[in-house]
Amino acid sequence: MSAHLGHASPLSSVQCSAPAPLGWSALIRRVVTVVETRVQLQELDERMLRDIGLTRRDALTEAARAPWDVDPGGQPQRL
């Protein structure tokens, strides 16, 4: 078997829409922000949760997710 390295592979023309990788400091800031936001979500009372269309169970489920569990744009996944 010989490898033909002189030509482009079929995947070389595929463009991805994934965001560029984050640097360490940006990644740490994003994780801290996600953790802080999820803690604040846990602290909302029933009226506030109702205002944003969530139940207590939704809030607790979101708060229990791993800090790195966010969509590619950096936002927590919708429930």
Protein backbone atom coordinates (compact mmCIF):
# COMPACT_ATOMS: atom_id res chain seq x y z
CA MET A 1 0.00 0.00 0.00
CA SER A 2 1.31 3.40 -0.82
CA ALA A 3 0.06 6.68 0.53
CA HIS A 4 -0.71 9.47 -1.88
CA LEU A 5 0.10 12.57 0.10
CA GLY A 6 0.31 14.92 -2.86
CA HIS A 7 -3.43 15.55 -3.21
CA ALA A 8 -6.09 16.93 -0.93
CA SER A 9 -8.30 14.52 0.91
CA PRO A 10 -12.08 14.72 0.39
CA LEU A 11 -12.45 16.19 3.87
CA SER A 12 -10.02 19.04 3.24
CA SER A 13 -12.73 21.08 1.53
CA VAL A 14 -15.31 20.54 4.31
CA GLN A 15 -15.89 23.67 6.34
CA CYS A 16 -16.88 23.35 9.98
CA SER A 17 -19.04 25.86 11.75
CA ALA A 18 -17.55 25.03 15.15
CA PRO A 19 -16.13 27.98 17.05
CA ALA A 20 -12.39 28.42 17.37
CA PRO A 21 -10.87 26.72 20.41
CA LEU A 22 -10.75 28.85 23.53
CA GLY A 23 -7.54 29.79 25.25
CA TRP A 24 -7.09 28.62 28.83
CA SER A 25 -8.09 31.93 30.38
CA ALA A 26 -11.24 32.20 28.26
CA LEU A 27 -12.14 28.60 29.06
CA ILE A 28 -11.71 29.19 32.80
CA ARG A 29 -13.81 32.38 32.62
CA ARG A 30 -16.56 30.51 30.79
CA VAL A 31 -16.59 27.65 33.30
CA VAL A 32 -16.69 30.10 36.24
CA THR A 33 -19.55 32.01 34.60
CA VAL A 34 -21.52 28.80 34.01
CA VAL A 35 -21.02 27.69 37.62
CA GLU A 36 -22.05 31.11 38.99
CA THR A 37 -25.13 31.24 36.75
CA ARG A 38 -26.24 27.78 37.75
CA VAL A 39 -25.82 28.59 41.45
CA GLN A 40 -27.93 31.73 40.97
CA LEU A 41 -30.57 29.66 39.17
CA GLN A 42 -30.84 27.38 42.21
CA GLU A 43 -31.46 30.41 44.41
CA LEU A 44 -34.45 31.76 42.47
CA ASP A 45 -37.82 31.51 44.21
CA GLU A 46 -40.88 29.90 42.62
CA ARG A 47 -42.25 33.21 41.31
CA MET A 48 -38.98 34.09 39.58
CA LEU A 49 -38.70 30.61 38.08
CA ARG A 50 -42.28 30.87 36.80
CA ASP A 51 -41.40 34.25 35.22
CA ILE A 52 -38.67 32.61 33.14
CA GLY A 53 -40.75 29.54 32.36
CA LEU A 54 -38.92 27.01 34.54
CA THR A 55 -39.99 24.70 37.31
CA ARG A 56 -37.97 23.98 40.46
CA ARG A 57 -37.10 20.60 38.93
CA ASP A 58 -35.84 22.31 35.73
CA ALA A 59 -33.67 24.66 37.79
CA LEU A 60 -32.20 21.87 39.88
CA THR A 61 -31.54 19.73 36.79
CA GLU A 62 -29.74 22.62 35.09
CA ALA A 63 -27.75 23.44 38.23
CA ALA A 64 -26.61 19.81 38.55
CA ARG A 65 -25.05 19.74 35.06
CA ALA A 66 -21.28 19.69 34.67
CA PRO A 67 -19.65 23.11 34.19
CA TRP A 68 -18.32 22.13 30.76
CA ASP A 69 -21.79 21.01 29.61
CA VAL A 70 -22.57 24.01 27.38
CA ASP A 71 -23.36 24.34 23.69
CA PRO A 72 -20.61 25.31 21.22
CA GLY A 73 -21.59 28.99 21.46
CA GLY A 74 -20.89 28.95 25.17
CA GLN A 75 -24.47 29.08 26.36
CA PRO A 76 -26.09 26.47 28.61
CA GLN A 77 -28.24 24.06 26.65
CA ARG A 78 -31.98 24.77 26.59
CA LEU A 79 -34.05 22.37 28.67
